[in-house]
Amino acid sequence: MGTVRSLSEKEINFKRRLGEDYVLLIRGHVVVASKLNIPEEFRHNIINVSKYPDIQELMIASDMLVTDYSSVMFVYANTNKPMYFYCYSLDEHGVCVVSNMN
């Protein structure tokens, strides 16, 4: 979950490394959610839930959160489940503006 602007090669490699036992739920940013293109071969393990109406239900169903700088991290922190931060600015700026808050 969290804000996703595009499905990059990094996310596809992430799925390949997880294997068949995991499902990656992607909740995209409202601006690009309808443009998210998940390759056919991954659609059984990567699911676009951007139009799912209740993010709280998705949080309950999840085992962990992978997010960028989305404010969803503050609500998800209440679940006491692991959070991982995708800091896309790290390569460009050399810093990640958030850290694991658990």
PDB file of N, CA and C in Angstrom:
ATOM      1  N   MET A   1       0.840  -1.166   0.000  1.00  0.00           N
ATOM      2  CA  MET A   1       0.000   0.000   0.000  1.00  0.00           C
ATOM      3  C   MET A   1       0.886   1.230   0.000  1.00  0.00           C
ATOM      4  N   GLY A   2       0.253   2.387   0.018  1.00  0.00           N
ATOM      5  CA  GLY A   2       0.989   3.630  -0.052  1.00  0.00           C
ATOM      6  C   GLY A   2       0.830   4.237  -1.416  1.00  0.00           C
ATOM      7  N   THR A   3       1.457   5.345  -1.638  1.00  0.00           N
ATOM      8  CA  THR A   3       1.306   6.057  -2.898  1.00  0.00           C
ATOM      9  C   THR A   3       2.244   5.476  -3.935  1.00  0.00           C
ATOM     10  N   VAL A   4       1.697   5.068  -5.054  1.00  0.00           N
ATOM     11  CA  VAL A   4       2.501   4.530  -6.142  1.00  0.00           C
ATOM     12  C   VAL A   4       2.226   5.369  -7.374  1.00  0.00           C
ATOM     13  N   ARG A   5       3.273   5.877  -7.982  1.00  0.00           N
ATOM     14  CA  ARG A   5       3.110   6.712  -9.167  1.00  0.00           C
ATOM     15  C   ARG A   5       3.330   5.920 -10.450  1.00  0.00           C
ATOM     16  N   SER A   6       4.120   4.871 -10.404  1.00  0.00           N
ATOM     17  CA  SER A   6       4.316   4.001 -11.555  1.00  0.00           C
ATOM     18  C   SER A   6       4.884   2.676 -11.079  1.00  0.00           C
ATOM     19  N   LEU A   7       4.669   1.644 -11.863  1.00  0.00           N
ATOM     20  CA  LEU A   7       5.227   0.328 -11.542  1.00  0.00           C
ATOM     21  C   LEU A   7       6.536   0.205 -12.302  1.00  0.00           C
ATOM     22  N   SER A   8       7.635   0.360 -11.594  1.00  0.00           N
ATOM     23  CA  SER A   8       8.948   0.363 -12.222  1.00  0.00           C
ATOM     24  C   SER A   8       9.548  -1.033 -12.231  1.00  0.00           C
ATOM     25  N   GLU A   9      10.693  -1.135 -12.848  1.00  0.00           N
ATOM     26  CA  GLU A   9      11.423  -2.398 -12.867  1.00  0.00           C
ATOM     27  C   GLU A   9      11.793  -2.834 -11.452  1.00  0.00           C
ATOM     28  N   LYS A  10      12.007  -1.868 -10.546  1.00  0.00           N
ATOM     29  CA  LYS A  10      12.322  -2.209  -9.158  1.00  0.00           C
ATOM     30  C   LYS A  10      11.158  -2.944  -8.504  1.00  0.00           C
ATOM     31  N   GLU A  11       9.934  -2.489  -8.735  1.00  0.00           N
ATOM     32  CA  GLU A  11       8.776  -3.155  -8.151  1.00  0.00           C
ATOM     33  C   GLU A  11       8.572  -4.535  -8.758  1.00  0.00           C
ATOM     34  N   ILE A  12       8.789  -4.664 -10.046  1.00  0.00           N
ATOM     35  CA  ILE A  12       8.648  -5.959 -10.694  1.00  0.00           C
ATOM     36  C   ILE A  12       9.704  -6.923 -10.152  1.00  0.00           C
ATOM     37  N   ASN A  13      10.928  -6.457  -9.968  1.00  0.00           N
ATOM     38  CA  ASN A  13      11.980  -7.305  -9.381  1.00  0.00           C
ATOM     39  C   ASN A  13      11.631  -7.668  -7.944  1.00  0.00           C
ATOM     40  N   PHE A  14      11.018  -6.747  -7.208  1.00  0.00           N
ATOM     41  CA  PHE A  14      10.559  -7.004  -5.843  1.00  0.00           C
ATOM     42  C   PHE A  14       9.594  -8.184  -5.842  1.00  0.00           C
ATOM     43  N   LYS A  15       8.669  -8.194  -6.778  1.00  0.00           N
ATOM     44  CA  LYS A  15       7.688  -9.276  -6.882  1.00  0.00           C
ATOM     45  C   LYS A  15       8.381 -10.579  -7.233  1.00  0.00           C
ATOM     46  N   ARG A  16       9.318 -10.541  -8.166  1.00  0.00           N
ATOM     47  CA  ARG A  16      10.036 -11.755  -8.568  1.00  0.00           C
ATOM     48  C   ARG A  16      10.781 -12.356  -7.376  1.00  0.00           C
ATOM     49  N   ARG A  17      11.326 -11.519  -6.527  1.00  0.00           N
ATOM     50  CA  ARG A  17      12.075 -12.000  -5.368  1.00  0.00           C
ATOM     51  C   ARG A  17      11.161 -12.565  -4.295  1.00  0.00           C
ATOM     52  N   LEU A  18       9.936 -12.035  -4.177  1.00  0.00           N
ATOM     53  CA  LEU A  18       9.006 -12.547  -3.173  1.00  0.00           C
ATOM     54  C   LEU A  18       8.506 -13.942  -3.507  1.00  0.00           C
ATOM     55  N   GLY A  19       8.297 -14.208  -4.777  1.00  0.00           N
ATOM     56  CA  GLY A  19       7.801 -15.515  -5.178  1.00  0.00           C
ATOM     57  C   GLY A  19       6.283 -15.562  -5.205  1.00  0.00           C
ATOM     58  N   GLU A  20       5.756 -16.761  -5.329  1.00  0.00           N
ATOM     59  CA  GLU A  20       4.324 -16.963  -5.522  1.00  0.00           C
ATOM     60  C   GLU A  20       3.499 -16.908  -4.242  1.00  0.00           C
ATOM     61  N   ASP A  21       4.139 -16.902  -3.084  1.00  0.00           N
ATOM     62  CA  ASP A  21       3.414 -16.943  -1.819  1.00  0.00           C
ATOM     63  C   ASP A  21       2.937 -15.577  -1.341  1.00  0.00           C
ATOM     64  N   TYR A  22       3.269 -14.523  -2.042  1.00  0.00           N
ATOM     65  CA  TYR A  22       2.931 -13.173  -1.614  1.00  0.00           C
ATOM     66  C   TYR A  22       2.038 -12.477  -2.618  1.00  0.00           C
ATOM     67  N   VAL A  23       1.231 -11.577  -2.096  1.00  0.00           N
ATOM     68  CA  VAL A  23       0.411 -10.707  -2.935  1.00  0.00           C
ATOM     69  C   VAL A  23       0.770  -9.276  -2.578  1.00  0.00           C
ATOM     70  N   LEU A  24       1.077  -8.495  -3.577  1.00  0.00           N
ATOM     71  CA  LEU A  24       1.422  -7.090  -3.396  1.00  0.00           C
ATOM     72  C   LEU A  24       0.201  -6.263  -3.779  1.00  0.00           C
ATOM     73  N   LEU A  25      -0.379  -5.569  -2.796  1.00  0.00           N
ATOM     74  CA  LEU A  25      -1.513  -4.687  -3.047  1.00  0.00           C
ATOM     75  C   LEU A  25      -0.971  -3.287  -3.294  1.00  0.00           C
ATOM     76  N   ILE A  26      -1.321  -2.709  -4.422  1.00  0.00           N
ATOM     77  CA  ILE A  26      -0.833  -1.379  -4.761  1.00  0.00           C
ATOM     78  C   ILE A  26      -1.997  -0.403  -4.747  1.00  0.00           C
ATOM     79  N   ARG A  27      -1.851   0.616  -3.935  1.00  0.00           N
ATOM     80  CA  ARG A  27      -2.847   1.690  -3.893  1.00  0.00           C
ATOM     81  C   ARG A  27      -2.157   2.926  -4.449  1.00  0.00           C
ATOM     82  N   GLY A  28      -2.476   3.245  -5.679  1.00  0.00           N
ATOM     83  CA  GLY A  28      -1.800   4.321  -6.385  1.00  0.00           C
ATOM     84  C   GLY A  28      -2.293   5.701  -6.033  1.00  0.00           C
ATOM     85  N   HIS A  29      -1.458   6.683  -6.288  1.00  0.00           N
ATOM     86  CA  HIS A  29      -1.822   8.082  -6.131  1.00  0.00           C
ATOM     87  C   HIS A  29      -2.997   8.379  -7.060  1.00  0.00           C
ATOM     88  N   VAL A  30      -3.923   9.177  -6.612  1.00  0.00           N
ATOM     89  CA  VAL A  30      -5.151   9.440  -7.361  1.00  0.00           C
ATOM     90  C   VAL A  30      -4.877   9.940  -8.781  1.00  0.00           C
ATOM     91  N   VAL A  31      -3.787  10.643  -8.979  1.00  0.00           N
ATOM     92  CA  VAL A  31      -3.465  11.200 -10.293  1.00  0.00           C
ATOM     93  C   VAL A  31      -3.091  10.115 -11.298  1.00  0.00           C
ATOM     94  N   VAL A  32      -2.486   9.021 -10.830  1.00  0.00           N
ATOM     95  CA  VAL A  32      -1.995   8.001 -11.753  1.00  0.00           C
ATOM     96  C   VAL A  32      -2.617   6.625 -11.548  1.00  0.00           C
ATOM     97  N   ALA A  33      -3.512   6.496 -10.599  1.00  0.00           N
ATOM     98  CA  ALA A  33      -4.060   5.169 -10.266  1.00  0.00           C
ATOM     99  C   ALA A  33      -4.660   4.465 -11.474  1.00  0.00           C
ATOM    100  N   SER A  34      -5.364   5.196 -12.311  1.00  0.00           N
ATOM    101  CA  SER A  34      -6.000   4.566 -13.473  1.00  0.00           C
ATOM    102  C   SER A  34      -4.991   4.253 -14.576  1.00  0.00           C
ATOM    103  N   LYS A  35      -3.800   4.805 -14.494  1.00  0.00           N
ATOM    104  CA  LYS A  35      -2.775   4.591 -15.514  1.00  0.00           C
ATOM    105  C   LYS A  35      -1.802   3.472 -15.152  1.00  0.00           C
ATOM    106  N   LEU A  36      -1.960   2.903 -13.962  1.00  0.00           N
ATOM    107  CA  LEU A  36      -1.060   1.850 -13.506  1.00  0.00           C
ATOM    108  C   LEU A  36      -1.215   0.619 -14.388  1.00  0.00           C
ATOM    109  N   ASN A  37      -0.122   0.181 -14.981  1.00  0.00           N
ATOM    110  CA  ASN A  37      -0.145  -0.969 -15.880  1.00  0.00           C
ATOM    111  C   ASN A  37       0.655  -2.110 -15.251  1.00  0.00           C
ATOM    112  N   ILE A  38      -0.054  -3.124 -14.804  1.00  0.00           N
ATOM    113  CA  ILE A  38       0.586  -4.299 -14.215  1.00  0.00           C
ATOM    114  C   ILE A  38       0.714  -5.353 -15.310  1.00  0.00           C
ATOM    115  N   PRO A  39       1.924  -5.831 -15.588  1.00  0.00           N
ATOM    116  CA  PRO A  39       2.087  -6.846 -16.630  1.00  0.00           C
ATOM    117  C   PRO A  39       1.221  -8.077 -16.348  1.00  0.00           C
ATOM    118  N   GLU A  40       0.660  -8.640 -17.367  1.00  0.00           N
ATOM    119  CA  GLU A  40      -0.251  -9.790 -17.258  1.00  0.00           C
ATOM    120  C   GLU A  40       0.324 -10.922 -16.410  1.00  0.00           C
ATOM    121  N   GLU A  41       1.592 -11.194 -16.570  1.00  0.00           N
ATOM    122  CA  GLU A  41       2.213 -12.313 -15.854  1.00  0.00           C
ATOM    123  C   GLU A  41       2.258 -12.115 -14.341  1.00  0.00           C
ATOM    124  N   PHE A  42       2.042 -10.880 -13.865  1.00  0.00           N
ATOM    125  CA  PHE A  42       2.099 -10.596 -12.435  1.00  0.00           C
ATOM    126  C   PHE A  42       0.739 -10.279 -11.820  1.00  0.00           C
ATOM    127  N   ARG A  43      -0.327 -10.272 -12.597  1.00  0.00           N
ATOM    128  CA  ARG A  43      -1.628  -9.823 -12.103  1.00  0.00           C
ATOM    129  C   ARG A  43      -2.251 -10.705 -11.028  1.00  0.00           C
ATOM    130  N   HIS A  44      -1.780 -11.917 -10.861  1.00  0.00           N
ATOM    131  CA  HIS A  44      -2.301 -12.764  -9.779  1.00  0.00           C
ATOM    132  C   HIS A  44      -1.572 -12.483  -8.466  1.00  0.00           C
ATOM    133  N   ASN A  45      -0.418 -11.805  -8.525  1.00  0.00           N
ATOM    134  CA  ASN A  45       0.341 -11.487  -7.319  1.00  0.00           C
ATOM    135  C   ASN A  45       0.480  -9.988  -7.048  1.00  0.00           C
ATOM    136  N   ILE A  46       0.226  -9.168  -8.033  1.00  0.00           N
ATOM    137  CA  ILE A  46       0.249  -7.716  -7.866  1.00  0.00           C
ATOM    138  C   ILE A  46      -1.132  -7.216  -8.236  1.00  0.00           C
ATOM    139  N   ILE A  47      -1.828  -6.628  -7.274  1.00  0.00           N
ATOM    140  CA  ILE A  47      -3.218  -6.215  -7.480  1.00  0.00           C
ATOM    141  C   ILE A  47      -3.352  -4.722  -7.236  1.00  0.00           C
ATOM    142  N   ASN A  48      -3.930  -4.032  -8.198  1.00  0.00           N
ATOM    143  CA  ASN A  48      -4.197  -2.603  -8.065  1.00  0.00           C
ATOM    144  C   ASN A  48      -5.469  -2.423  -7.243  1.00  0.00           C
ATOM    145  N   VAL A  49      -5.325  -1.933  -6.022  1.00  0.00           N
ATOM    146  CA  VAL A  49      -6.478  -1.713  -5.138  1.00  0.00           C
ATOM    147  C   VAL A  49      -6.767  -0.221  -4.976  1.00  0.00           C
ATOM    148  N   SER A  50      -6.334   0.560  -5.942  1.00  0.00           N
ATOM    149  CA  SER A  50      -6.491   2.012  -5.873  1.00  0.00           C
ATOM    150  C   SER A  50      -7.940   2.451  -5.762  1.00  0.00           C
ATOM    151  N   LYS A  51      -8.843   1.694  -6.326  1.00  0.00           N
ATOM    152  CA  LYS A  51     -10.264   2.068  -6.282  1.00  0.00           C
ATOM    153  C   LYS A  51     -10.998   1.442  -5.103  1.00  0.00           C
ATOM    154  N   TYR A  52     -10.310   0.654  -4.299  1.00  0.00           N
ATOM    155  CA  TYR A  52     -10.952   0.057  -3.128  1.00  0.00           C
ATOM    156  C   TYR A  52     -11.332   1.178  -2.180  1.00  0.00           C
ATOM    157  N   PRO A  53     -12.580   1.227  -1.736  1.00  0.00           N
ATOM    158  CA  PRO A  53     -13.065   2.405  -1.012  1.00  0.00           C
ATOM    159  C   PRO A  53     -12.546   2.587   0.416  1.00  0.00           C
ATOM    160  N   ASP A  54     -12.093   1.543   1.079  1.00  0.00           N
ATOM    161  CA  ASP A  54     -11.744   1.662   2.493  1.00  0.00           C
ATOM    162  C   ASP A  54     -10.303   1.239   2.742  1.00  0.00           C
ATOM    163  N   ILE A  55      -9.408   2.203   2.847  1.00  0.00           N
ATOM    164  CA  ILE A  55      -7.994   1.893   3.066  1.00  0.00           C
ATOM    165  C   ILE A  55      -7.773   1.220   4.411  1.00  0.00           C
ATOM    166  N   GLN A  56      -8.634   1.483   5.382  1.00  0.00           N
ATOM    167  CA  GLN A  56      -8.475   0.857   6.697  1.00  0.00           C
ATOM    168  C   GLN A  56      -8.646  -0.659   6.613  1.00  0.00           C
ATOM    169  N   GLU A  57      -9.549  -1.130   5.784  1.00  0.00           N
ATOM    170  CA  GLU A  57      -9.711  -2.575   5.590  1.00  0.00           C
ATOM    171  C   GLU A  57      -8.464  -3.177   4.950  1.00  0.00           C
ATOM    172  N   LEU A  58      -7.852  -2.448   4.028  1.00  0.00           N
ATOM    173  CA  LEU A  58      -6.616  -2.925   3.407  1.00  0.00           C
ATOM    174  C   LEU A  58      -5.493  -3.008   4.437  1.00  0.00           C
ATOM    175  N   MET A  59      -5.467  -2.058   5.353  1.00  0.00           N
ATOM    176  CA  MET A  59      -4.445  -2.078   6.406  1.00  0.00           C
ATOM    177  C   MET A  59      -4.608  -3.292   7.307  1.00  0.00           C
ATOM    178  N   ILE A  60      -5.832  -3.619   7.642  1.00  0.00           N
ATOM    179  CA  ILE A  60      -6.094  -4.784   8.487  1.00  0.00           C
ATOM    180  C   ILE A  60      -5.680  -6.064   7.772  1.00  0.00           C
ATOM    181  N   ALA A  61      -5.939  -6.139   6.477  1.00  0.00           N
ATOM    182  CA  ALA A  61      -5.637  -7.346   5.705  1.00  0.00           C
ATOM    183  C   ALA A  61      -4.143  -7.513   5.422  1.00  0.00           C
ATOM    184  N   SER A  62      -3.389  -6.437   5.535  1.00  0.00           N
ATOM    185  CA  SER A  62      -1.970  -6.484   5.163  1.00  0.00           C
ATOM    186  C   SER A  62      -1.089  -6.999   6.292  1.00  0.00           C
ATOM    187  N   ASP A  63       0.092  -7.464   5.908  1.00  0.00           N
ATOM    188  CA  ASP A  63       1.104  -7.892   6.877  1.00  0.00           C
ATOM    189  C   ASP A  63       2.155  -6.821   7.115  1.00  0.00           C
ATOM    190  N   MET A  64       2.303  -5.908   6.145  1.00  0.00           N
ATOM    191  CA  MET A  64       3.282  -4.840   6.259  1.00  0.00           C
ATOM    192  C   MET A  64       2.932  -3.751   5.253  1.00  0.00           C
ATOM    193  N   LEU A  65       3.572  -2.610   5.405  1.00  0.00           N
ATOM    194  CA  LEU A  65       3.366  -1.475   4.515  1.00  0.00           C
ATOM    195  C   LEU A  65       4.681  -1.104   3.868  1.00  0.00           C
ATOM    196  N   VAL A  66       4.650  -0.934   2.562  1.00  0.00           N
ATOM    197  CA  VAL A  66       5.770  -0.354   1.839  1.00  0.00           C
ATOM    198  C   VAL A  66       5.234   0.945   1.271  1.00  0.00           C
ATOM    199  N   THR A  67       5.830   2.047   1.653  1.00  0.00           N
ATOM    200  CA  THR A  67       5.323   3.350   1.236  1.00  0.00           C
ATOM    201  C   THR A  67       6.465   4.290   0.894  1.00  0.00           C
ATOM    202  N   ASP A  68       6.112   5.346   0.207  1.00  0.00           N
ATOM    203  CA  ASP A  68       7.097   6.394  -0.037  1.00  0.00           C
ATOM    204  C   ASP A  68       6.872   7.456   1.032  1.00  0.00           C
ATOM    205  N   TYR A  69       6.580   8.647   0.636  1.00  0.00           N
ATOM    206  CA  TYR A  69       6.409   9.728   1.599  1.00  0.00           C
ATOM    207  C   TYR A  69       4.938  10.003   1.887  1.00  0.00           C
ATOM    208  N   SER A  70       4.100   9.030   1.646  1.00  0.00           N
ATOM    209  CA  SER A  70       2.664   9.174   1.852  1.00  0.00           C
ATOM    210  C   SER A  70       2.326   9.287   3.334  1.00  0.00           C
ATOM    211  N   SER A  71       1.298  10.059   3.626  1.00  0.00           N
ATOM    212  CA  SER A  71       0.858  10.218   5.014  1.00  0.00           C
ATOM    213  C   SER A  71       0.205   8.954   5.566  1.00  0.00           C
ATOM    214  N   VAL A  72      -0.019   7.949   4.721  1.00  0.00           N
ATOM    215  CA  VAL A  72      -0.596   6.689   5.193  1.00  0.00           C
ATOM    216  C   VAL A  72       0.258   6.081   6.301  1.00  0.00           C
ATOM    217  N   MET A  73       1.528   6.423   6.340  1.00  0.00           N
ATOM    218  CA  MET A  73       2.424   5.861   7.366  1.00  0.00           C
ATOM    219  C   MET A  73       1.957   6.212   8.779  1.00  0.00           C
ATOM    220  N   PHE A  74       1.362   7.379   8.958  1.00  0.00           N
ATOM    221  CA  PHE A  74       0.944   7.802  10.288  1.00  0.00           C
ATOM    222  C   PHE A  74      -0.256   6.999  10.789  1.00  0.00           C
ATOM    223  N   VAL A  75      -1.164   6.682   9.903  1.00  0.00           N
ATOM    224  CA  VAL A  75      -2.319   5.865  10.279  1.00  0.00           C
ATOM    225  C   VAL A  75      -1.880   4.416  10.459  1.00  0.00           C
ATOM    226  N   TYR A  76      -1.041   3.928   9.538  1.00  0.00           N
ATOM    227  CA  TYR A  76      -0.596   2.536   9.591  1.00  0.00           C
ATOM    228  C   TYR A  76       0.220   2.251  10.848  1.00  0.00           C
ATOM    229  N   ALA A  77       0.898   3.245  11.371  1.00  0.00           N
ATOM    230  CA  ALA A  77       1.703   3.054  12.583  1.00  0.00           C
ATOM    231  C   ALA A  77       0.856   2.511  13.729  1.00  0.00           C
ATOM    232  N   ASN A  78      -0.427   2.808  13.739  1.00  0.00           N
ATOM    233  CA  ASN A  78      -1.322   2.318  14.785  1.00  0.00           C
ATOM    234  C   ASN A  78      -1.549   0.809  14.729  1.00  0.00           C
ATOM    235  N   THR A  79      -1.202   0.174  13.620  1.00  0.00           N
ATOM    236  CA  THR A  79      -1.388  -1.277  13.501  1.00  0.00           C
ATOM    237  C   THR A  79      -0.261  -2.054  14.176  1.00  0.00           C
ATOM    238  N   ASN A  80       0.823  -1.375  14.484  1.00  0.00           N
ATOM    239  CA  ASN A  80       2.020  -2.021  15.042  1.00  0.00           C
ATOM    240  C   ASN A  80       2.598  -3.094  14.124  1.00  0.00           C
ATOM    241  N   LYS A  81       2.337  -2.967  12.828  1.00  0.00           N
ATOM    242  CA  LYS A  81       2.907  -3.871  11.825  1.00  0.00           C
ATOM    243  C   LYS A  81       4.120  -3.189  11.200  1.00  0.00           C
ATOM    244  N   PRO A  82       5.012  -3.972  10.611  1.00  0.00           N
ATOM    245  CA  PRO A  82       6.222  -3.380  10.021  1.00  0.00           C
ATOM    246  C   PRO A  82       5.901  -2.411   8.882  1.00  0.00           C
ATOM    247  N   MET A  83       6.711  -1.360   8.802  1.00  0.00           N
ATOM    248  CA  MET A  83       6.630  -0.391   7.709  1.00  0.00           C
ATOM    249  C   MET A  83       8.008  -0.283   7.070  1.00  0.00           C
ATOM    250  N   TYR A  84       8.027  -0.254   5.752  1.00  0.00           N
ATOM    251  CA  TYR A  84       9.257  -0.091   5.001  1.00  0.00           C
ATOM    252  C   TYR A  84       9.077   1.089   4.073  1.00  0.00           C
ATOM    253  N   PHE A  85      10.133   1.896   3.951  1.00  0.00           N
ATOM    254  CA  PHE A  85      10.024   3.134   3.197  1.00  0.00           C
ATOM    255  C   PHE A  85      10.815   3.049   1.908  1.00  0.00           C
ATOM    256  N   TYR A  86      10.118   3.300   0.808  1.00  0.00           N
ATOM    257  CA  TYR A  86      10.726   3.360  -0.510  1.00  0.00           C
ATOM    258  C   TYR A  86      11.142   4.813  -0.725  1.00  0.00           C
ATOM    259  N   CYS A  87      12.403   5.077  -0.522  1.00  0.00           N
ATOM    260  CA  CYS A  87      12.925   6.445  -0.577  1.00  0.00           C
ATOM    261  C   CYS A  87      13.509   6.710  -1.954  1.00  0.00           C
ATOM    262  N   TYR A  88      12.652   7.047  -2.883  1.00  0.00           N
ATOM    263  CA  TYR A  88      13.107   7.250  -4.251  1.00  0.00           C
ATOM    264  C   TYR A  88      14.024   8.460  -4.373  1.00  0.00           C
ATOM    265  N   SER A  89      14.039   9.349  -3.407  1.00  0.00           N
ATOM    266  CA  SER A  89      14.924  10.509  -3.459  1.00  0.00           C
ATOM    267  C   SER A  89      16.337  10.185  -2.975  1.00  0.00           C
ATOM    268  N   LEU A  90      16.539   8.990  -2.451  1.00  0.00           N
ATOM    269  CA  LEU A  90      17.834   8.635  -1.889  1.00  0.00           C
ATOM    270  C   LEU A  90      18.943   8.716  -2.931  1.00  0.00           C
ATOM    271  N   ASP A  91      18.708   8.184  -4.109  1.00  0.00           N
ATOM    272  CA  ASP A  91      19.720   8.224  -5.160  1.00  0.00           C
ATOM    273  C   ASP A  91      20.018   9.654  -5.604  1.00  0.00           C
ATOM    274  N   GLU A  92      18.971  10.451  -5.686  1.00  0.00           N
ATOM    275  CA  GLU A  92      19.112  11.817  -6.191  1.00  0.00           C
ATOM    276  C   GLU A  92      19.676  12.772  -5.141  1.00  0.00           C
ATOM    277  N   HIS A  93      19.180  12.669  -3.909  1.00  0.00           N
ATOM    278  CA  HIS A  93      19.541  13.642  -2.876  1.00  0.00           C
ATOM    279  C   HIS A  93      20.448  13.089  -1.781  1.00  0.00           C
ATOM    280  N   GLY A  94      20.600  11.776  -1.724  1.00  0.00           N
ATOM    281  CA  GLY A  94      21.458  11.176  -0.722  1.00  0.00           C
ATOM    282  C   GLY A  94      20.854  11.080   0.668  1.00  0.00           C
ATOM    283  N   VAL A  95      19.568  11.397   0.785  1.00  0.00           N
ATOM    284  CA  VAL A  95      18.892  11.307   2.079  1.00  0.00           C
ATOM    285  C   VAL A  95      17.504  10.740   1.894  1.00  0.00           C
ATOM    286  N   CYS A  96      17.021  10.112   2.940  1.00  0.00           N
ATOM    287  CA  CYS A  96      15.639   9.665   3.003  1.00  0.00           C
ATOM    288  C   CYS A  96      15.006  10.470   4.122  1.00  0.00           C
ATOM    289  N   VAL A  97      13.893  11.118   3.832  1.00  0.00           N
ATOM    290  CA  VAL A  97      13.344  12.061   4.809  1.00  0.00           C
ATOM    291  C   VAL A  97      12.530  11.402   5.903  1.00  0.00           C
ATOM    292  N   VAL A  98      12.318  10.097   5.840  1.00  0.00           N
ATOM    293  CA  VAL A  98      11.597   9.390   6.899  1.00  0.00           C
ATOM    294  C   VAL A  98      12.421   8.190   7.335  1.00  0.00           C
ATOM    295  N   SER A  99      12.104   7.668   8.508  1.00  0.00           N
ATOM    296  CA  SER A  99      12.733   6.442   8.988  1.00  0.00           C
ATOM    297  C   SER A  99      11.662   5.563   9.584  1.00  0.00           C
ATOM    298  N   ASN A 100      11.985   4.305   9.852  1.00  0.00           N
ATOM    299  CA  ASN A 100      10.991   3.407  10.411  1.00  0.00           C
ATOM    300  C   ASN A 100      10.527   3.954  11.758  1.00  0.00           C
ATOM    301  N   MET A 101       9.233   4.132  11.901  1.00  0.00           N
ATOM    302  CA  MET A 101       8.699   4.805  13.069  1.00  0.00           C
ATOM    303  C   MET A 101       8.180   3.834  14.118  1.00  0.00           C
ATOM    304  N   ASN A 102       8.338   2.526  13.907  1.00  0.00           N
ATOM    305  CA  ASN A 102       7.891   1.536  14.903  1.00  0.00           C
ATOM    306  C   ASN A 102       8.877   1.427  16.036  1.00  0.00           C
TER     307      ASN A 102
END
